[in-house]
Amino acid sequence: MKARLFTIPASHPGWTAQLMLERKGIPYSRTDLVAVVSKPILRALGFPGVTVPALIVDGRRIQGSRAIARELELIAPEPPLFPADPADRVRVEEAEAWGDEVLQGIARRLVWNLLRRDRAPIVTYLTGARLGLPVAIAARTAAPIAALSAHFNRADDAHAIADIAALPEAIGRIDGYIEAGVIGGETPNAADLQIATSVALLMTLDDLRPFIEGRPAGALARRLVPGYPGHAPPGFPAAWLEPLR
């Protein structure tokens, strides 16, 4: 079996796909693309969409971490990413969908909002990147990429303010999933891997880490996604952070 993963440095769904491949024991190669520039490249590679993660496995092209989870479950059933019990699977899939459709966007918008205004931390998010050029050069040329990424992801100030205000409910929801046993068990499932990577990305922001790291959600991210790249010093206006106090 041959697998090739296309992603973007520090992409949280890209990390989800990596963790799933590693859990399944499927050998893969990883190619990192530059944000925004990745869109036409993915089209040229024959993918129907323009988002990462994008996986080629045995000639088949799959995009999106949830679609990849199901494809990997078909071709390598063990160890499983979903519970065998139908009711338990429904709960895991509901948590996975929320992590993909809601939490993932919150983390992405907040990081791009900060990097749009302060490009200095970008180099930290490129740690371990496989871009085919030196990280230092990529970081020096990243200003327009950060601006365009913020634009395409609607990482404007209004969305950032709303996303920070939504964090207490979001982190509380994750803690609730852990308490209910939907995620956080000894054996990670698809929802664990979907959610933990977004929490890990949020924890790269010094403004947000103190609110998360002592919670069950923070412990889950540290356990499942150690060494997640990136570190951004405080940068959000103090008034935006009031909902976290």
C-alpha atoms as a PDB file:
ATOM      1  CA  MET A   1       0.000   0.000   0.000  1.00  0.00           C
ATOM      2  CA  LYS A   2       1.341   3.421  -0.980  1.00  0.00           C
ATOM      3  CA  ALA A   3       0.069   6.613   0.619  1.00  0.00           C
ATOM      4  CA  ARG A   4       1.059  10.206  -0.049  1.00  0.00           C
ATOM      5  CA  LEU A   5      -0.295  12.999   2.133  1.00  0.00           C
ATOM      6  CA  PHE A   6      -0.472  16.603   0.980  1.00  0.00           C
ATOM      7  CA  THR A   7      -0.889  19.178   3.699  1.00  0.00           C
ATOM      8  CA  ILE A   8       0.170  22.650   4.860  1.00  0.00           C
ATOM      9  CA  PRO A   9       2.669  23.244   7.691  1.00  0.00           C
ATOM     10  CA  ALA A  10       0.918  23.243  11.081  1.00  0.00           C
ATOM     11  CA  SER A  11      -2.440  22.425   9.478  1.00  0.00           C
ATOM     12  CA  HIS A  12      -4.498  20.909  12.275  1.00  0.00           C
ATOM     13  CA  PRO A  13      -6.618  18.675   9.992  1.00  0.00           C
ATOM     14  CA  GLY A  14      -3.373  17.711   8.276  1.00  0.00           C
ATOM     15  CA  TRP A  15      -2.024  16.585  11.631  1.00  0.00           C
ATOM     16  CA  THR A  16      -5.251  14.660  12.181  1.00  0.00           C
ATOM     17  CA  ALA A  17      -4.654  12.764   8.944  1.00  0.00           C
ATOM     18  CA  GLN A  18      -1.045  12.037   9.934  1.00  0.00           C
ATOM     19  CA  LEU A  19      -2.117  10.691  13.314  1.00  0.00           C
ATOM     20  CA  MET A  20      -4.695   8.436  11.683  1.00  0.00           C
ATOM     21  CA  LEU A  21      -2.184   7.059   9.186  1.00  0.00           C
ATOM     22  CA  GLU A  22       0.278   6.394  11.997  1.00  0.00           C
ATOM     23  CA  ARG A  23      -2.372   4.757  14.152  1.00  0.00           C
ATOM     24  CA  LYS A  24      -3.253   2.459  11.259  1.00  0.00           C
ATOM     25  CA  GLY A  25       0.415   1.689  10.669  1.00  0.00           C
ATOM     26  CA  ILE A  26       0.177   2.777   7.041  1.00  0.00           C
ATOM     27  CA  PRO A  27       3.510   3.978   5.614  1.00  0.00           C
ATOM     28  CA  TYR A  28       3.179   7.353   3.927  1.00  0.00           C
ATOM     29  CA  SER A  29       5.165  10.207   2.516  1.00  0.00           C
ATOM     30  CA  ARG A  30       4.241  13.798   3.304  1.00  0.00           C
ATOM     31  CA  THR A  31       4.437  16.795   1.017  1.00  0.00           C
ATOM     32  CA  ASP A  32       3.899  20.237   2.496  1.00  0.00           C
ATOM     33  CA  LEU A  33       2.398  22.935   0.311  1.00  0.00           C
ATOM     34  CA  VAL A  34       2.331  26.696   0.810  1.00  0.00           C
ATOM     35  CA  ALA A  35      -1.023  27.996   1.988  1.00  0.00           C
ATOM     36  CA  VAL A  36      -3.142  29.584  -0.768  1.00  0.00           C
ATOM     37  CA  VAL A  37      -0.651  28.464  -3.436  1.00  0.00           C
ATOM     38  CA  SER A  38      -1.766  24.942  -2.545  1.00  0.00           C
ATOM     39  CA  LYS A  39      -5.173  25.426  -4.163  1.00  0.00           C
ATOM     40  CA  PRO A  40      -4.176  25.273  -7.856  1.00  0.00           C
ATOM     41  CA  ILE A  41      -1.538  22.642  -7.074  1.00  0.00           C
ATOM     42  CA  LEU A  42      -4.157  20.297  -5.612  1.00  0.00           C
ATOM     43  CA  ARG A  43      -6.314  20.782  -8.690  1.00  0.00           C
ATOM     44  CA  ALA A  44      -3.333  20.028 -10.920  1.00  0.00           C
ATOM     45  CA  LEU A  45      -2.745  16.838  -8.933  1.00  0.00           C
ATOM     46  CA  GLY A  46      -6.225  15.648  -9.811  1.00  0.00           C
ATOM     47  CA  PHE A  47      -8.049  16.348  -6.538  1.00  0.00           C
ATOM     48  CA  PRO A  48     -11.642  17.561  -6.909  1.00  0.00           C
ATOM     49  CA  GLY A  49     -11.291  20.227  -4.205  1.00  0.00           C
ATOM     50  CA  VAL A  50      -8.682  22.732  -3.070  1.00  0.00           C
ATOM     51  CA  THR A  51      -8.349  21.924   0.639  1.00  0.00           C
ATOM     52  CA  VAL A  52      -5.951  19.864   2.728  1.00  0.00           C
ATOM     53  CA  PRO A  53      -5.440  17.245   3.955  1.00  0.00           C
ATOM     54  CA  ALA A  54      -5.419  15.512   0.601  1.00  0.00           C
ATOM     55  CA  LEU A  55      -4.401  11.869   0.414  1.00  0.00           C
ATOM     56  CA  ILE A  56      -3.472   9.590  -2.454  1.00  0.00           C
ATOM     57  CA  VAL A  57      -3.647   5.964  -1.379  1.00  0.00           C
ATOM     58  CA  ASP A  58      -3.301   3.154  -3.908  1.00  0.00           C
ATOM     59  CA  GLY A  59      -4.183   5.625  -6.661  1.00  0.00           C
ATOM     60  CA  ARG A  60      -7.360   6.908  -4.982  1.00  0.00           C
ATOM     61  CA  ARG A  61      -7.685  10.587  -4.058  1.00  0.00           C
ATOM     62  CA  ILE A  62      -9.414  11.540  -0.811  1.00  0.00           C
ATOM     63  CA  GLN A  63      -9.745  15.005   0.726  1.00  0.00           C
ATOM     64  CA  GLY A  64     -10.749  16.083   4.202  1.00  0.00           C
ATOM     65  CA  SER A  65      -9.888  14.481   7.511  1.00  0.00           C
ATOM     66  CA  ARG A  66     -13.318  12.890   7.981  1.00  0.00           C
ATOM     67  CA  ALA A  67     -13.333  11.333   4.520  1.00  0.00           C
ATOM     68  CA  ILE A  68      -9.774  10.116   5.082  1.00  0.00           C
ATOM     69  CA  ALA A  69     -10.820   8.520   8.380  1.00  0.00           C
ATOM     70  CA  ARG A  70     -13.488   6.474   6.633  1.00  0.00           C
ATOM     71  CA  GLU A  71     -11.233   5.468   3.764  1.00  0.00           C
ATOM     72  CA  LEU A  72      -8.533   4.305   6.157  1.00  0.00           C
ATOM     73  CA  GLU A  73     -11.102   2.376   8.168  1.00  0.00           C
ATOM     74  CA  LEU A  74     -12.064   0.484   5.009  1.00  0.00           C
ATOM     75  CA  ILE A  75      -8.579  -0.387   3.851  1.00  0.00           C
ATOM     76  CA  ALA A  76      -7.106  -1.054   7.311  1.00  0.00           C
ATOM     77  CA  PRO A  77      -9.874  -1.939   9.799  1.00  0.00           C
ATOM     78  CA  GLU A  78      -7.469  -2.540  12.693  1.00  0.00           C
ATOM     79  CA  PRO A  79      -6.910  -0.756  14.934  1.00  0.00           C
ATOM     80  CA  PRO A  80     -10.325   0.895  14.572  1.00  0.00           C
ATOM     81  CA  LEU A  81     -11.015   4.637  14.517  1.00  0.00           C
ATOM     82  CA  PHE A  82     -14.687   4.131  15.376  1.00  0.00           C
ATOM     83  CA  PRO A  83     -16.423   2.046  18.060  1.00  0.00           C
ATOM     84  CA  ALA A  84     -18.098  -1.197  17.035  1.00  0.00           C
ATOM     85  CA  ASP A  85     -21.238  -0.406  19.040  1.00  0.00           C
ATOM     86  CA  PRO A  86     -23.651   1.556  16.774  1.00  0.00           C
ATOM     87  CA  ALA A  87     -24.811   3.948  19.499  1.00  0.00           C
ATOM     88  CA  ASP A  88     -21.248   4.689  20.564  1.00  0.00           C
ATOM     89  CA  ARG A  89     -20.271   5.253  16.941  1.00  0.00           C
ATOM     90  CA  VAL A  90     -23.056   7.813  16.525  1.00  0.00           C
ATOM     91  CA  ARG A  91     -21.733   9.763  19.512  1.00  0.00           C
ATOM     92  CA  VAL A  92     -18.170   9.651  18.200  1.00  0.00           C
ATOM     93  CA  GLU A  93     -19.275  10.748  14.729  1.00  0.00           C
ATOM     94  CA  GLU A  94     -21.277  13.637  16.174  1.00  0.00           C
ATOM     95  CA  ALA A  95     -18.240  14.832  18.148  1.00  0.00           C
ATOM     96  CA  GLU A  96     -16.022  14.355  15.101  1.00  0.00           C
ATOM     97  CA  ALA A  97     -18.380  16.416  12.931  1.00  0.00           C
ATOM     98  CA  TRP A  98     -18.480  19.251  15.476  1.00  0.00           C
ATOM     99  CA  GLY A  99     -14.694  19.205  15.693  1.00  0.00           C
ATOM    100  CA  ASP A 100     -14.459  19.449  11.918  1.00  0.00           C
ATOM    101  CA  GLU A 101     -17.258  21.919  11.220  1.00  0.00           C
ATOM    102  CA  VAL A 102     -17.015  24.233  14.237  1.00  0.00           C
ATOM    103  CA  LEU A 103     -13.870  23.896  16.341  1.00  0.00           C
ATOM    104  CA  GLN A 104     -11.491  23.612  13.390  1.00  0.00           C
ATOM    105  CA  GLY A 105     -12.624  26.959  11.985  1.00  0.00           C
ATOM    106  CA  ILE A 106     -12.306  28.724  15.336  1.00  0.00           C
ATOM    107  CA  ALA A 107      -8.682  27.636  15.706  1.00  0.00           C
ATOM    108  CA  ARG A 108      -7.799  28.449  12.097  1.00  0.00           C
ATOM    109  CA  ARG A 109      -9.332  31.934  12.140  1.00  0.00           C
ATOM    110  CA  LEU A 110      -7.748  32.933  15.440  1.00  0.00           C
ATOM    111  CA  VAL A 111      -4.252  31.893  14.356  1.00  0.00           C
ATOM    112  CA  TRP A 112      -4.491  33.626  10.973  1.00  0.00           C
ATOM    113  CA  ASN A 113      -5.934  36.749  12.577  1.00  0.00           C
ATOM    114  CA  LEU A 114      -2.926  37.009  14.848  1.00  0.00           C
ATOM    115  CA  LEU A 115      -0.385  36.156  12.138  1.00  0.00           C
ATOM    116  CA  ARG A 116      -1.973  38.678   9.803  1.00  0.00           C
ATOM    117  CA  ARG A 117      -0.913  41.426  12.208  1.00  0.00           C
ATOM    118  CA  ASP A 118       2.330  39.943  13.542  1.00  0.00           C
ATOM    119  CA  ARG A 119       4.275  37.834  11.035  1.00  0.00           C
ATOM    120  CA  ALA A 120       7.232  37.170  13.342  1.00  0.00           C
ATOM    121  CA  PRO A 121       5.804  33.914  14.798  1.00  0.00           C
ATOM    122  CA  ILE A 122       5.229  32.390  11.346  1.00  0.00           C
ATOM    123  CA  VAL A 123       8.641  30.736  11.367  1.00  0.00           C
ATOM    124  CA  THR A 124       7.669  28.720  14.457  1.00  0.00           C
ATOM    125  CA  TYR A 125       4.703  27.221  12.618  1.00  0.00           C
ATOM    126  CA  LEU A 126       7.081  26.035   9.900  1.00  0.00           C
ATOM    127  CA  THR A 127       9.081  23.816  12.269  1.00  0.00           C
ATOM    128  CA  GLY A 128       9.609  20.474  10.566  1.00  0.00           C
ATOM    129  CA  ALA A 129       7.978  21.654   7.341  1.00  0.00           C
ATOM    130  CA  ARG A 130       8.746  19.772   4.149  1.00  0.00           C
ATOM    131  CA  LEU A 131       8.387  22.582   1.652  1.00  0.00           C
ATOM    132  CA  GLY A 132      11.371  21.919  -0.553  1.00  0.00           C
ATOM    133  CA  LEU A 133      13.016  25.195   0.466  1.00  0.00           C
ATOM    134  CA  PRO A 134      14.677  26.427   3.670  1.00  0.00           C
ATOM    135  CA  VAL A 135      12.245  27.395   6.425  1.00  0.00           C
ATOM    136  CA  ALA A 136      13.983  30.759   6.902  1.00  0.00           C
ATOM    137  CA  ILE A 137      13.340  31.680   3.274  1.00  0.00           C
ATOM    138  CA  ALA A 138       9.723  30.548   3.468  1.00  0.00           C
ATOM    139  CA  ALA A 139       9.199  32.651   6.587  1.00  0.00           C
ATOM    140  CA  ARG A 140      10.712  35.773   5.003  1.00  0.00           C
ATOM    141  CA  THR A 141       8.337  35.545   2.056  1.00  0.00           C
ATOM    142  CA  ALA A 142       5.232  34.674   4.077  1.00  0.00           C
ATOM    143  CA  ALA A 143       3.684  38.135   4.549  1.00  0.00           C
ATOM    144  CA  PRO A 144       1.425  38.034   1.470  1.00  0.00           C
ATOM    145  CA  ILE A 145       0.517  34.412   2.189  1.00  0.00           C
ATOM    146  CA  ALA A 146      -0.570  35.344   5.723  1.00  0.00           C
ATOM    147  CA  ALA A 147      -2.672  38.230   4.419  1.00  0.00           C
ATOM    148  CA  LEU A 148      -4.341  36.091   1.758  1.00  0.00           C
ATOM    149  CA  SER A 149      -4.900  33.188   4.158  1.00  0.00           C
ATOM    150  CA  ALA A 150      -6.549  35.530   6.645  1.00  0.00           C
ATOM    151  CA  HIS A 151      -8.776  36.835   3.862  1.00  0.00           C
ATOM    152  CA  PHE A 152      -9.772  33.419   2.492  1.00  0.00           C
ATOM    153  CA  ASN A 153     -10.481  32.093   6.003  1.00  0.00           C
ATOM    154  CA  ARG A 154     -12.463  35.170   7.067  1.00  0.00           C
ATOM    155  CA  ALA A 155     -10.017  35.763   9.903  1.00  0.00           C
ATOM    156  CA  ASP A 156     -11.068  39.392  10.339  1.00  0.00           C
ATOM    157  CA  ASP A 157     -11.367  41.091  13.715  1.00  0.00           C
ATOM    158  CA  ALA A 158     -15.123  40.602  13.966  1.00  0.00           C
ATOM    159  CA  HIS A 159     -14.777  36.847  13.545  1.00  0.00           C
ATOM    160  CA  ALA A 160     -11.835  36.708  15.962  1.00  0.00           C
ATOM    161  CA  ILE A 161     -13.809  38.531  18.655  1.00  0.00           C
ATOM    162  CA  ALA A 162     -16.741  36.144  18.163  1.00  0.00           C
ATOM    163  CA  ASP A 163     -14.457  33.096  18.165  1.00  0.00           C
ATOM    164  CA  ILE A 164     -12.791  34.074  21.441  1.00  0.00           C
ATOM    165  CA  ALA A 165     -16.220  34.665  22.969  1.00  0.00           C
ATOM    166  CA  ALA A 166     -17.216  31.160  21.809  1.00  0.00           C
ATOM    167  CA  LEU A 167     -14.179  29.467  23.361  1.00  0.00           C
ATOM    168  CA  PRO A 168     -15.604  28.907  26.870  1.00  0.00           C
ATOM    169  CA  GLU A 169     -18.535  26.974  25.428  1.00  0.00           C
ATOM    170  CA  ALA A 170     -16.298  25.091  22.985  1.00  0.00           C
ATOM    171  CA  ILE A 171     -13.763  24.004  25.597  1.00  0.00           C
ATOM    172  CA  GLY A 172     -16.592  23.121  27.958  1.00  0.00           C
ATOM    173  CA  ARG A 173     -18.095  20.946  25.251  1.00  0.00           C
ATOM    174  CA  ILE A 174     -14.796  19.097  24.793  1.00  0.00           C
ATOM    175  CA  ASP A 175     -14.494  18.582  28.533  1.00  0.00           C
ATOM    176  CA  GLY A 176     -18.034  17.209  28.454  1.00  0.00           C
ATOM    177  CA  TYR A 177     -17.166  14.745  25.698  1.00  0.00           C
ATOM    178  CA  ILE A 178     -14.245  13.555  27.813  1.00  0.00           C
ATOM    179  CA  GLU A 179     -16.364  13.213  30.957  1.00  0.00           C
ATOM    180  CA  ALA A 180     -18.972  11.234  29.007  1.00  0.00           C
ATOM    181  CA  GLY A 181     -16.320   8.891  27.595  1.00  0.00           C
ATOM    182  CA  VAL A 182     -16.950   9.895  23.973  1.00  0.00           C
ATOM    183  CA  ILE A 183     -13.299  10.907  23.683  1.00  0.00           C
ATOM    184  CA  GLY A 184     -10.322  10.777  26.000  1.00  0.00           C
ATOM    185  CA  GLY A 185     -10.178   7.009  26.421  1.00  0.00           C
ATOM    186  CA  GLU A 186      -7.019   4.956  26.425  1.00  0.00           C
ATOM    187  CA  THR A 187      -7.463   4.199  22.724  1.00  0.00           C
ATOM    188  CA  PRO A 188      -8.003   7.332  20.596  1.00  0.00           C
ATOM    189  CA  ASN A 189     -10.843   7.356  18.104  1.00  0.00           C
ATOM    190  CA  ALA A 190     -11.554   9.575  15.090  1.00  0.00           C
ATOM    191  CA  ALA A 191     -13.171  12.275  17.240  1.00  0.00           C
ATOM    192  CA  ASP A 192     -10.172  12.332  19.602  1.00  0.00           C
ATOM    193  CA  LEU A 193      -7.822  12.959  16.692  1.00  0.00           C
ATOM    194  CA  GLN A 194     -10.138  15.488  15.070  1.00  0.00           C
ATOM    195  CA  ILE A 195     -10.562  17.572  18.213  1.00  0.00           C
ATOM    196  CA  ALA A 196      -7.145  17.267  19.871  1.00  0.00           C
ATOM    197  CA  THR A 197      -5.293  18.829  16.939  1.00  0.00           C
ATOM    198  CA  SER A 198      -7.485  21.941  16.987  1.00  0.00           C
ATOM    199  CA  VAL A 199      -6.958  22.285  20.734  1.00  0.00           C
ATOM    200  CA  ALA A 200      -3.207  21.889  20.209  1.00  0.00           C
ATOM    201  CA  LEU A 201      -3.252  24.685  17.630  1.00  0.00           C
ATOM    202  CA  LEU A 202      -5.213  26.957  19.968  1.00  0.00           C
ATOM    203  CA  MET A 203      -2.653  26.282  22.701  1.00  0.00           C
ATOM    204  CA  THR A 204       0.144  27.667  20.507  1.00  0.00           C
ATOM    205  CA  LEU A 205      -1.314  31.121  21.237  1.00  0.00           C
ATOM    206  CA  ASP A 206      -0.051  32.544  24.519  1.00  0.00           C
ATOM    207  CA  ASP A 207      -3.245  34.591  24.841  1.00  0.00           C
ATOM    208  CA  LEU A 208      -5.368  31.428  24.931  1.00  0.00           C
ATOM    209  CA  ARG A 209      -3.149  28.733  26.437  1.00  0.00           C
ATOM    210  CA  PRO A 210      -3.753  29.648  30.122  1.00  0.00           C
ATOM    211  CA  PHE A 211      -7.484  29.214  29.606  1.00  0.00           C
ATOM    212  CA  ILE A 212      -7.070  25.735  28.077  1.00  0.00           C
ATOM    213  CA  GLU A 213      -3.977  23.983  29.398  1.00  0.00           C
ATOM    214  CA  GLY A 214      -5.342  23.131  32.851  1.00  0.00           C
ATOM    215  CA  ARG A 215      -8.574  21.700  31.476  1.00  0.00           C
ATOM    216  CA  PRO A 216      -9.246  18.098  30.385  1.00  0.00           C
ATOM    217  CA  ALA A 217      -9.248  19.388  26.791  1.00  0.00           C
ATOM    218  CA  GLY A 218      -5.713  20.676  27.225  1.00  0.00           C
ATOM    219  CA  ALA A 219      -4.542  17.398  28.732  1.00  0.00           C
ATOM    220  CA  LEU A 220      -6.036  15.519  25.776  1.00  0.00           C
ATOM    221  CA  ALA A 221      -4.130  17.696  23.292  1.00  0.00           C
ATOM    222  CA  ARG A 222      -0.848  17.311  25.160  1.00  0.00           C
ATOM    223  CA  ARG A 223      -1.243  13.526  25.260  1.00  0.00           C
ATOM    224  CA  LEU A 224      -2.281  12.958  21.656  1.00  0.00           C
ATOM    225  CA  VAL A 225      -0.466  15.772  19.848  1.00  0.00           C
ATOM    226  CA  PRO A 226       2.855  16.367  21.638  1.00  0.00           C
ATOM    227  CA  GLY A 227       5.252  18.666  19.864  1.00  0.00           C
ATOM    228  CA  TYR A 228       2.657  20.499  17.785  1.00  0.00           C
ATOM    229  CA  PRO A 229       4.561  23.298  16.004  1.00  0.00           C
ATOM    230  CA  GLY A 230       4.028  26.984  16.553  1.00  0.00           C
ATOM    231  CA  HIS A 231       4.208  29.597  19.267  1.00  0.00           C
ATOM    232  CA  ALA A 232       2.737  33.081  19.172  1.00  0.00           C
ATOM    233  CA  PRO A 233       3.242  35.587  22.024  1.00  0.00           C
ATOM    234  CA  PRO A 234       0.320  37.665  23.301  1.00  0.00           C
ATOM    235  CA  GLY A 235      -1.168  39.763  20.541  1.00  0.00           C
ATOM    236  CA  PHE A 236      -4.921  40.053  20.908  1.00  0.00           C
ATOM    237  CA  PRO A 237      -6.345  43.248  22.445  1.00  0.00           C
ATOM    238  CA  ALA A 238      -7.111  42.808  26.135  1.00  0.00           C
ATOM    239  CA  ALA A 239     -10.775  43.610  25.615  1.00  0.00           C
ATOM    240  CA  TRP A 240     -11.150  40.640  23.266  1.00  0.00           C
ATOM    241  CA  LEU A 241      -9.990  38.276  26.013  1.00  0.00           C
ATOM    242  CA  GLU A 242     -12.532  39.367  28.611  1.00  0.00           C
ATOM    243  CA  PRO A 243     -14.821  36.345  27.977  1.00  0.00           C
ATOM    244  CA  LEU A 244     -11.957  34.087  29.105  1.00  0.00           C
ATOM    245  CA  ARG A 245     -11.495  35.765  32.459  1.00  0.00           C
END
